[in-house]
Amino acid sequence: MSDVRLIVAGAGGRMGRTLVKAIAETKGAVLAGAIDAPASPLVGRDTGELSGIGANGIAVTGDLAALAGQADGVIDFTIPAASVALAGQAAAAGLFHVVGTTGFSAADEQAIAAAATSIPIVKSGNMSLGVNLLAALAKRVAATLDEEFDIEILEMHHNKKIDAPSGTALLLGEAAAQGRGVDLAARSDRGRDGHTGARRPGDIGFASLRGGTVVGEHWAIFAGPAERIELVHKAEDRMIFARGAVKAALWAKGRAPGLYSMMDVLGLKDF
């Protein structure tokens, strides 16, 4: 079986550099190219040197189309606008697309879903094995406990993160909402300040903390009468997200067009 040839988008960023390293360490995956914003000062730099693994002869470019013919897919941890554009470009080039970006608007989600009618797209708020297991557990716990147990999702990230709640927090909230059989958009409470009144039964609350260099910590809390259940995941290294994304890429090659998640990749869809 031939290696899966991958293009890393946002190759000059922290996750992009981590992805380059993860691909180099993964059997069956090979780096076919790397892109960043055309105006980035890192265009032309060797991706191996940027990622700390030593020169690999693959330079950062600003043009996906120039690399498409020598690749099977693209892995993308960038920003929403870039990811939406990449989804369209990947669809036009016949590349599968693995999306780890978060913070999408409803219109962005629709654009990505449209691209997924032509190619396989694996999109997740978090690519780690542990977080997706946590989401599956949150769904099961929420389905087991009734509304006497209030659900709260708490997350903390580094001080450079630009979206809140985090994609992972929303992933956990959606899993809990599915377990309860409710619409998360209609039942989420994302802001409490001042005299808010009593908590509305059945809502799923979110709280976001930002500071320092925290990679990512998440709690799914089920608070009932005189007892509390807490499901917790703490990320210590971005490599867990990169390894998950590369695993998703290996899984995506040859799949039918469609919008998939890490639950599909890990076989947790019906857990």
C-alpha atoms as a PDB file:
ATOM      1  CA  MET A   1       0.000   0.000   0.000  1.00  0.00           C
ATOM      2  CA  SER A   2       1.458   3.345  -1.033  1.00  0.00           C
ATOM      3  CA  ASP A   3       2.134   6.148   1.397  1.00  0.00           C
ATOM      4  CA  VAL A   4      -0.515   8.822   1.883  1.00  0.00           C
ATOM      5  CA  ARG A   5       0.904  12.066   0.507  1.00  0.00           C
ATOM      6  CA  LEU A   6      -0.040  15.055   2.637  1.00  0.00           C
ATOM      7  CA  ILE A   7       0.081  18.827   2.343  1.00  0.00           C
ATOM      8  CA  VAL A   8       0.227  20.788   5.599  1.00  0.00           C
ATOM      9  CA  ALA A   9      -1.639  24.112   5.584  1.00  0.00           C
ATOM     10  CA  GLY A  10      -0.486  26.820   7.962  1.00  0.00           C
ATOM     11  CA  ALA A  11       2.927  25.152   7.954  1.00  0.00           C
ATOM     12  CA  GLY A  12       4.655  28.055   9.667  1.00  0.00           C
ATOM     13  CA  GLY A  13       2.376  28.056  12.716  1.00  0.00           C
ATOM     14  CA  ARG A  14       2.719  26.048  15.908  1.00  0.00           C
ATOM     15  CA  MET A  15       0.348  23.311  14.790  1.00  0.00           C
ATOM     16  CA  GLY A  16       1.720  23.320  11.261  1.00  0.00           C
ATOM     17  CA  ARG A  17       5.240  22.684  12.502  1.00  0.00           C
ATOM     18  CA  THR A  18       3.958  19.971  14.840  1.00  0.00           C
ATOM     19  CA  LEU A  19       2.131  18.319  11.933  1.00  0.00           C
ATOM     20  CA  VAL A  20       5.298  18.232   9.846  1.00  0.00           C
ATOM     21  CA  LYS A  21       7.026  16.419  12.699  1.00  0.00           C
ATOM     22  CA  ALA A  22       4.096  14.030  13.219  1.00  0.00           C
ATOM     23  CA  ILE A  23       4.017  13.094   9.540  1.00  0.00           C
ATOM     24  CA  ALA A  24       7.756  12.382   9.607  1.00  0.00           C
ATOM     25  CA  GLU A  25       7.176  10.027  12.566  1.00  0.00           C
ATOM     26  CA  THR A  26       4.161   8.189  11.112  1.00  0.00           C
ATOM     27  CA  LYS A  27       4.547   5.064   9.007  1.00  0.00           C
ATOM     28  CA  GLY A  28       2.459   5.271   5.860  1.00  0.00           C
ATOM     29  CA  ALA A  29       2.407   9.071   5.725  1.00  0.00           C
ATOM     30  CA  VAL A  30       4.707  11.351   3.774  1.00  0.00           C
ATOM     31  CA  LEU A  31       4.934  15.129   3.524  1.00  0.00           C
ATOM     32  CA  ALA A  32       4.204  16.148  -0.059  1.00  0.00           C
ATOM     33  CA  GLY A  33       4.141  19.879   0.458  1.00  0.00           C
ATOM     34  CA  ALA A  34       3.469  22.763   2.818  1.00  0.00           C
ATOM     35  CA  ILE A  35       1.628  26.038   2.414  1.00  0.00           C
ATOM     36  CA  ASP A  36       1.128  29.248   4.321  1.00  0.00           C
ATOM     37  CA  ALA A  37      -0.275  32.676   3.543  1.00  0.00           C
ATOM     38  CA  PRO A  38       1.416  33.993   0.378  1.00  0.00           C
ATOM     39  CA  ALA A  39       2.650  37.066   2.276  1.00  0.00           C
ATOM     40  CA  SER A  40       4.131  35.025   5.125  1.00  0.00           C
ATOM     41  CA  PRO A  41       7.837  35.661   5.739  1.00  0.00           C
ATOM     42  CA  LEU A  42       8.215  31.887   6.133  1.00  0.00           C
ATOM     43  CA  VAL A  43       7.467  31.163   2.467  1.00  0.00           C
ATOM     44  CA  GLY A  44      10.596  29.577   1.050  1.00  0.00           C
ATOM     45  CA  ARG A  45      11.799  28.216   4.409  1.00  0.00           C
ATOM     46  CA  ASP A  46      12.536  24.497   4.798  1.00  0.00           C
ATOM     47  CA  THR A  47       9.712  22.819   6.742  1.00  0.00           C
ATOM     48  CA  GLY A  48      12.032  20.341   8.424  1.00  0.00           C
ATOM     49  CA  GLU A  49      14.167  23.124   9.811  1.00  0.00           C
ATOM     50  CA  LEU A  50      11.083  25.021  11.006  1.00  0.00           C
ATOM     51  CA  SER A  51       9.765  21.941  12.810  1.00  0.00           C
ATOM     52  CA  GLY A  52      13.107  21.086  14.395  1.00  0.00           C
ATOM     53  CA  ILE A  53      13.633  17.726  12.664  1.00  0.00           C
ATOM     54  CA  GLY A  54      16.338  18.865  10.268  1.00  0.00           C
ATOM     55  CA  ALA A  55      16.181  19.937   6.635  1.00  0.00           C
ATOM     56  CA  ASN A  56      13.843  17.793   4.508  1.00  0.00           C
ATOM     57  CA  GLY A  57      13.997  19.675   1.210  1.00  0.00           C
ATOM     58  CA  ILE A  58      10.326  20.687   1.296  1.00  0.00           C
ATOM     59  CA  ALA A  59       9.867  24.441   1.392  1.00  0.00           C
ATOM     60  CA  VAL A  60       6.821  26.414   2.476  1.00  0.00           C
ATOM     61  CA  THR A  61       4.909  27.836  -0.494  1.00  0.00           C
ATOM     62  CA  GLY A  62       1.839  30.029  -0.841  1.00  0.00           C
ATOM     63  CA  ASP A  63       0.057  28.046  -3.566  1.00  0.00           C
ATOM     64  CA  LEU A  64      -1.979  24.886  -2.934  1.00  0.00           C
ATOM     65  CA  ALA A  65      -2.812  24.396  -6.603  1.00  0.00           C
ATOM     66  CA  ALA A  66       0.884  24.024  -7.493  1.00  0.00           C
ATOM     67  CA  LEU A  67       1.191  21.096  -5.070  1.00  0.00           C
ATOM     68  CA  ALA A  68      -2.159  19.368  -5.639  1.00  0.00           C
ATOM     69  CA  GLY A  69      -0.943  17.022  -8.361  1.00  0.00           C
ATOM     70  CA  GLN A  70       1.580  15.373  -6.060  1.00  0.00           C
ATOM     71  CA  ALA A  71      -0.664  14.902  -3.025  1.00  0.00           C
ATOM     72  CA  ASP A  72      -3.650  12.912  -1.756  1.00  0.00           C
ATOM     73  CA  GLY A  73      -4.913  15.324   0.855  1.00  0.00           C
ATOM     74  CA  VAL A  74      -4.399  18.417   2.968  1.00  0.00           C
ATOM     75  CA  ILE A  75      -4.322  18.799   6.752  1.00  0.00           C
ATOM     76  CA  ASP A  76      -5.443  22.182   7.970  1.00  0.00           C
ATOM     77  CA  PHE A  77      -5.190  23.866  11.386  1.00  0.00           C
ATOM     78  CA  THR A  78      -5.463  27.508  10.325  1.00  0.00           C
ATOM     79  CA  ILE A  79      -8.270  30.083  10.694  1.00  0.00           C
ATOM     80  CA  PRO A  80     -11.904  29.799   9.548  1.00  0.00           C
ATOM     81  CA  ALA A  81     -11.587  31.955   6.418  1.00  0.00           C
ATOM     82  CA  ALA A  82      -8.525  30.022   5.260  1.00  0.00           C
ATOM     83  CA  SER A  83     -10.143  26.652   5.991  1.00  0.00           C
ATOM     84  CA  VAL A  84     -13.264  27.528   4.012  1.00  0.00           C
ATOM     85  CA  ALA A  85     -11.123  28.603   1.052  1.00  0.00           C
ATOM     86  CA  LEU A  86      -9.019  25.446   1.344  1.00  0.00           C
ATOM     87  CA  ALA A  87     -12.128  23.252   1.367  1.00  0.00           C
ATOM     88  CA  GLY A  88     -13.163  24.710  -1.975  1.00  0.00           C
ATOM     89  CA  GLN A  89      -9.661  24.397  -3.406  1.00  0.00           C
ATOM     90  CA  ALA A  90      -9.317  20.818  -2.157  1.00  0.00           C
ATOM     91  CA  ALA A  91     -12.667  19.920  -3.723  1.00  0.00           C
ATOM     92  CA  ALA A  92     -11.584  21.412  -7.038  1.00  0.00           C
ATOM     93  CA  ALA A  93      -8.319  19.448  -6.916  1.00  0.00           C
ATOM     94  CA  GLY A  94      -9.836  16.170  -5.721  1.00  0.00           C
ATOM     95  CA  LEU A  95      -7.918  16.150  -2.426  1.00  0.00           C
ATOM     96  CA  PHE A  96      -9.385  14.961   0.859  1.00  0.00           C
ATOM     97  CA  HIS A  97      -9.350  17.593   3.598  1.00  0.00           C
ATOM     98  CA  VAL A  98      -8.680  17.121   7.322  1.00  0.00           C
ATOM     99  CA  VAL A  99      -9.837  20.196   9.273  1.00  0.00           C
ATOM    100  CA  GLY A 100      -8.729  20.911  12.843  1.00  0.00           C
ATOM    101  CA  THR A 101      -9.600  24.611  12.705  1.00  0.00           C
ATOM    102  CA  THR A 102     -12.245  25.912  15.125  1.00  0.00           C
ATOM    103  CA  GLY A 103     -14.407  29.035  15.442  1.00  0.00           C
ATOM    104  CA  PHE A 104     -16.521  28.612  12.294  1.00  0.00           C
ATOM    105  CA  SER A 105     -19.674  30.614  11.640  1.00  0.00           C
ATOM    106  CA  ALA A 106     -22.887  28.984  10.416  1.00  0.00           C
ATOM    107  CA  ALA A 107     -22.083  30.187   6.881  1.00  0.00           C
ATOM    108  CA  ASP A 108     -18.599  28.668   7.124  1.00  0.00           C
ATOM    109  CA  GLU A 109     -20.092  25.336   8.189  1.00  0.00           C
ATOM    110  CA  GLN A 110     -22.421  25.388   5.200  1.00  0.00           C
ATOM    111  CA  ALA A 111     -19.551  26.095   2.804  1.00  0.00           C
ATOM    112  CA  ILE A 112     -17.509  23.201   4.179  1.00  0.00           C
ATOM    113  CA  ALA A 113     -20.521  20.873   4.006  1.00  0.00           C
ATOM    114  CA  ALA A 114     -20.976  21.879   0.361  1.00  0.00           C
ATOM    115  CA  ALA A 115     -17.354  21.005  -0.419  1.00  0.00           C
ATOM    116  CA  ALA A 116     -17.861  17.646   1.298  1.00  0.00           C
ATOM    117  CA  THR A 117     -20.355  16.635  -1.388  1.00  0.00           C
ATOM    118  CA  SER A 118     -17.332  16.283  -3.702  1.00  0.00           C
ATOM    119  CA  ILE A 119     -14.560  15.038  -1.402  1.00  0.00           C
ATOM    120  CA  PRO A 120     -14.159  13.389   1.998  1.00  0.00           C
ATOM    121  CA  ILE A 121     -13.680  15.994   4.726  1.00  0.00           C
ATOM    122  CA  VAL A 122     -12.810  14.980   8.282  1.00  0.00           C
ATOM    123  CA  LYS A 123     -13.614  17.887  10.581  1.00  0.00           C
ATOM    124  CA  SER A 124     -13.405  17.930  14.364  1.00  0.00           C
ATOM    125  CA  GLY A 125     -13.128  20.443  17.175  1.00  0.00           C
ATOM    126  CA  ASN A 126     -10.417  18.197  18.584  1.00  0.00           C
ATOM    127  CA  MET A 127      -8.382  15.471  16.921  1.00  0.00           C
ATOM    128  CA  SER A 128      -7.061  13.684  20.009  1.00  0.00           C
ATOM    129  CA  LEU A 129      -8.086  10.148  20.904  1.00  0.00           C
ATOM    130  CA  GLY A 130      -8.622  11.056  24.557  1.00  0.00           C
ATOM    131  CA  VAL A 131     -10.945  13.988  23.901  1.00  0.00           C
ATOM    132  CA  ASN A 132     -13.112  11.991  21.518  1.00  0.00           C
ATOM    133  CA  LEU A 133     -13.387   9.201  24.064  1.00  0.00           C
ATOM    134  CA  LEU A 134     -14.360  11.886  26.597  1.00  0.00           C
ATOM    135  CA  ALA A 135     -17.064  13.146  24.232  1.00  0.00           C
ATOM    136  CA  ALA A 136     -18.437   9.623  23.812  1.00  0.00           C
ATOM    137  CA  LEU A 137     -18.537   9.238  27.598  1.00  0.00           C
ATOM    138  CA  ALA A 138     -20.222  12.649  28.010  1.00  0.00           C
ATOM    139  CA  LYS A 139     -22.934  11.576  25.569  1.00  0.00           C
ATOM    140  CA  ARG A 140     -23.511   8.335  27.470  1.00  0.00           C
ATOM    141  CA  VAL A 141     -23.584  10.032  30.894  1.00  0.00           C
ATOM    142  CA  ALA A 142     -25.973  12.738  29.654  1.00  0.00           C
ATOM    143  CA  ALA A 143     -28.295  10.073  28.264  1.00  0.00           C
ATOM    144  CA  THR A 144     -28.231   8.191  31.568  1.00  0.00           C
ATOM    145  CA  LEU A 145     -28.868  11.119  33.928  1.00  0.00           C
ATOM    146  CA  ASP A 146     -32.002  13.259  33.873  1.00  0.00           C
ATOM    147  CA  GLU A 147     -32.313  17.051  34.203  1.00  0.00           C
ATOM    148  CA  GLU A 148     -31.729  16.883  37.944  1.00  0.00           C
ATOM    149  CA  PHE A 149     -28.081  16.848  36.861  1.00  0.00           C
ATOM    150  CA  ASP A 150     -26.957  20.209  35.453  1.00  0.00           C
ATOM    151  CA  ILE A 151     -24.335  20.027  32.687  1.00  0.00           C
ATOM    152  CA  GLU A 152     -21.452  22.502  32.658  1.00  0.00           C
ATOM    153  CA  ILE A 153     -18.537  22.547  30.205  1.00  0.00           C
ATOM    154  CA  LEU A 154     -15.376  24.306  31.413  1.00  0.00           C
ATOM    155  CA  GLU A 155     -12.259  24.851  29.315  1.00  0.00           C
ATOM    156  CA  MET A 156      -8.888  26.593  29.662  1.00  0.00           C
ATOM    157  CA  HIS A 157      -6.393  27.473  26.945  1.00  0.00           C
ATOM    158  CA  HIS A 158      -3.295  29.585  26.370  1.00  0.00           C
ATOM    159  CA  ASN A 159      -3.530  33.350  26.100  1.00  0.00           C
ATOM    160  CA  LYS A 160      -3.142  33.378  22.302  1.00  0.00           C
ATOM    161  CA  LYS A 161      -6.323  31.422  21.526  1.00  0.00           C
ATOM    162  CA  ILE A 162      -8.760  33.577  19.562  1.00  0.00           C
ATOM    163  CA  ASP A 163     -12.104  31.738  19.831  1.00  0.00           C
ATOM    164  CA  ALA A 164     -14.309  30.853  22.787  1.00  0.00           C
ATOM    165  CA  PRO A 165     -15.798  28.513  23.757  1.00  0.00           C
ATOM    166  CA  SER A 166     -13.138  26.257  22.310  1.00  0.00           C
ATOM    167  CA  GLY A 167     -13.992  23.832  19.548  1.00  0.00           C
ATOM    168  CA  THR A 168     -13.444  21.025  22.028  1.00  0.00           C
ATOM    169  CA  ALA A 169     -15.867  22.560  24.535  1.00  0.00           C
ATOM    170  CA  LEU A 170     -18.495  22.771  21.804  1.00  0.00           C
ATOM    171  CA  LEU A 171     -17.716  19.171  20.811  1.00  0.00           C
ATOM    172  CA  LEU A 172     -18.364  18.077  24.399  1.00  0.00           C
ATOM    173  CA  GLY A 173     -21.481  20.222  24.630  1.00  0.00           C
ATOM    174  CA  GLU A 174     -22.857  18.775  21.407  1.00  0.00           C
ATOM    175  CA  ALA A 175     -22.161  15.243  22.654  1.00  0.00           C
ATOM    176  CA  ALA A 176     -24.029  15.978  25.888  1.00  0.00           C
ATOM    177  CA  ALA A 177     -26.899  17.556  23.954  1.00  0.00           C
ATOM    178  CA  GLN A 178     -27.169  14.474  21.750  1.00  0.00           C
ATOM    179  CA  GLY A 179     -27.258  12.319  24.872  1.00  0.00           C
ATOM    180  CA  ARG A 180     -30.105  14.414  26.257  1.00  0.00           C
ATOM    181  CA  GLY A 181     -31.881  14.580  22.899  1.00  0.00           C
ATOM    182  CA  VAL A 182     -31.889  18.388  22.785  1.00  0.00           C
ATOM    183  CA  ASP A 183     -30.681  21.089  20.390  1.00  0.00           C
ATOM    184  CA  LEU A 184     -27.448  22.583  21.750  1.00  0.00           C
ATOM    185  CA  ALA A 185     -28.047  25.943  20.039  1.00  0.00           C
ATOM    186  CA  ALA A 186     -31.362  26.291  21.852  1.00  0.00           C
ATOM    187  CA  ARG A 187     -30.147  25.066  25.238  1.00  0.00           C
ATOM    188  CA  SER A 188     -26.626  26.482  25.661  1.00  0.00           C
ATOM    189  CA  ASP A 189     -25.797  29.187  28.176  1.00  0.00           C
ATOM    190  CA  ARG A 190     -22.542  30.905  27.222  1.00  0.00           C
ATOM    191  CA  GLY A 191     -22.504  34.040  29.311  1.00  0.00           C
ATOM    192  CA  ARG A 192     -23.265  34.816  32.937  1.00  0.00           C
ATOM    193  CA  ASP A 193     -22.661  38.266  34.354  1.00  0.00           C
ATOM    194  CA  GLY A 194     -24.625  40.322  36.866  1.00  0.00           C
ATOM    195  CA  HIS A 195     -28.072  39.331  38.099  1.00  0.00           C
ATOM    196  CA  THR A 196     -28.778  36.449  35.748  1.00  0.00           C
ATOM    197  CA  GLY A 197     -31.465  34.731  37.771  1.00  0.00           C
ATOM    198  CA  ALA A 198     -31.535  31.048  38.614  1.00  0.00           C
ATOM    199  CA  ARG A 199     -30.060  28.529  36.239  1.00  0.00           C
ATOM    200  CA  ARG A 200     -32.604  27.290  33.696  1.00  0.00           C
ATOM    201  CA  PRO A 201     -33.120  23.509  34.086  1.00  0.00           C
ATOM    202  CA  GLY A 202     -31.798  21.528  31.143  1.00  0.00           C
ATOM    203  CA  ASP A 203     -29.379  24.167  29.864  1.00  0.00           C
ATOM    204  CA  ILE A 204     -25.785  23.249  29.036  1.00  0.00           C
ATOM    205  CA  GLY A 205     -23.458  25.899  30.433  1.00  0.00           C
ATOM    206  CA  PHE A 206     -20.061  26.949  29.087  1.00  0.00           C
ATOM    207  CA  ALA A 207     -17.179  28.797  30.749  1.00  0.00           C
ATOM    208  CA  SER A 208     -13.833  29.737  29.181  1.00  0.00           C
ATOM    209  CA  LEU A 209     -10.522  30.524  30.869  1.00  0.00           C
ATOM    210  CA  ARG A 210      -7.458  31.958  29.106  1.00  0.00           C
ATOM    211  CA  GLY A 211      -3.910  32.299  30.391  1.00  0.00           C
ATOM    212  CA  GLY A 212      -0.284  31.349  30.094  1.00  0.00           C
ATOM    213  CA  THR A 213       0.741  28.496  27.835  1.00  0.00           C
ATOM    214  CA  VAL A 214      -1.998  25.966  28.647  1.00  0.00           C
ATOM    215  CA  VAL A 215      -2.327  23.584  25.683  1.00  0.00           C
ATOM    216  CA  GLY A 216      -5.911  22.650  26.518  1.00  0.00           C
ATOM    217  CA  GLU A 217      -7.896  21.445  29.523  1.00  0.00           C
ATOM    218  CA  HIS A 218     -11.575  20.473  29.489  1.00  0.00           C
ATOM    219  CA  TRP A 219     -14.154  19.415  32.044  1.00  0.00           C
ATOM    220  CA  ALA A 220     -17.632  18.003  31.428  1.00  0.00           C
ATOM    221  CA  ILE A 221     -19.387  18.411  34.785  1.00  0.00           C
ATOM    222  CA  PHE A 222     -22.674  16.777  35.739  1.00  0.00           C
ATOM    223  CA  ALA A 223     -23.858  18.406  38.978  1.00  0.00           C
ATOM    224  CA  GLY A 224     -26.804  16.777  40.696  1.00  0.00           C
ATOM    225  CA  PRO A 225     -28.380  16.802  44.148  1.00  0.00           C
ATOM    226  CA  ALA A 226     -25.572  16.180  46.657  1.00  0.00           C
ATOM    227  CA  GLU A 227     -23.216  14.624  44.091  1.00  0.00           C
ATOM    228  CA  ARG A 228     -21.144  15.611  41.072  1.00  0.00           C
ATOM    229  CA  ILE A 229     -19.540  13.684  38.214  1.00  0.00           C
ATOM    230  CA  GLU A 230     -16.560  15.256  36.413  1.00  0.00           C
ATOM    231  CA  LEU A 231     -15.041  13.983  33.179  1.00  0.00           C
ATOM    232  CA  VAL A 232     -11.659  15.622  32.577  1.00  0.00           C
ATOM    233  CA  HIS A 233      -9.070  15.746  29.802  1.00  0.00           C
ATOM    234  CA  LYS A 234      -5.776  17.635  30.019  1.00  0.00           C
ATOM    235  CA  ALA A 235      -3.556  17.996  26.963  1.00  0.00           C
ATOM    236  CA  GLU A 236       0.164  18.292  27.662  1.00  0.00           C
ATOM    237  CA  ASP A 237       1.552  18.478  24.114  1.00  0.00           C
ATOM    238  CA  ARG A 238       0.127  19.616  20.745  1.00  0.00           C
ATOM    239  CA  MET A 239       1.528  16.422  19.262  1.00  0.00           C
ATOM    240  CA  ILE A 240      -1.614  14.568  20.410  1.00  0.00           C
ATOM    241  CA  PHE A 241      -3.711  16.690  18.040  1.00  0.00           C
ATOM    242  CA  ALA A 242      -1.220  16.278  15.198  1.00  0.00           C
ATOM    243  CA  ARG A 243      -1.062  12.496  15.579  1.00  0.00           C
ATOM    244  CA  GLY A 244      -4.851  12.346  15.575  1.00  0.00           C
ATOM    245  CA  ALA A 245      -5.028  14.469  12.430  1.00  0.00           C
ATOM    246  CA  VAL A 246      -2.521  12.251  10.636  1.00  0.00           C
ATOM    247  CA  LYS A 247      -4.523   9.194  11.735  1.00  0.00           C
ATOM    248  CA  ALA A 248      -7.612  10.870  10.260  1.00  0.00           C
ATOM    249  CA  ALA A 249      -5.719  11.479   7.012  1.00  0.00           C
ATOM    250  CA  LEU A 250      -4.694   7.836   6.714  1.00  0.00           C
ATOM    251  CA  TRP A 251      -8.340   6.883   7.304  1.00  0.00           C
ATOM    252  CA  ALA A 252      -9.719   9.430   4.805  1.00  0.00           C
ATOM    253  CA  LYS A 253      -7.806   8.272   1.744  1.00  0.00           C
ATOM    254  CA  GLY A 254     -10.167   6.432  -0.565  1.00  0.00           C
ATOM    255  CA  ARG A 255     -13.332   7.297   1.392  1.00  0.00           C
ATOM    256  CA  ALA A 256     -16.519   8.353  -0.337  1.00  0.00           C
ATOM    257  CA  PRO A 257     -17.282  12.085  -0.352  1.00  0.00           C
ATOM    258  CA  GLY A 258     -18.901  13.230   2.861  1.00  0.00           C
ATOM    259  CA  LEU A 259     -18.442  15.181   6.062  1.00  0.00           C
ATOM    260  CA  TYR A 260     -16.871  12.959   8.721  1.00  0.00           C
ATOM    261  CA  SER A 261     -15.658  13.439  12.284  1.00  0.00           C
ATOM    262  CA  MET A 262     -13.082  11.834  14.541  1.00  0.00           C
ATOM    263  CA  MET A 263     -15.926   9.722  15.910  1.00  0.00           C
ATOM    264  CA  ASP A 264     -16.046   8.081  12.468  1.00  0.00           C
ATOM    265  CA  VAL A 265     -12.257   7.679  12.352  1.00  0.00           C
ATOM    266  CA  LEU A 266     -12.129   6.078  15.813  1.00  0.00           C
ATOM    267  CA  GLY A 267     -15.266   3.945  15.418  1.00  0.00           C
ATOM    268  CA  LEU A 268     -17.089   5.777  18.225  1.00  0.00           C
ATOM    269  CA  LYS A 269     -20.063   7.020  16.216  1.00  0.00           C
ATOM    270  CA  ASP A 270     -22.521   4.599  17.808  1.00  0.00           C
ATOM    271  CA  PHE A 271     -20.903   4.373  21.261  1.00  0.00           C
END
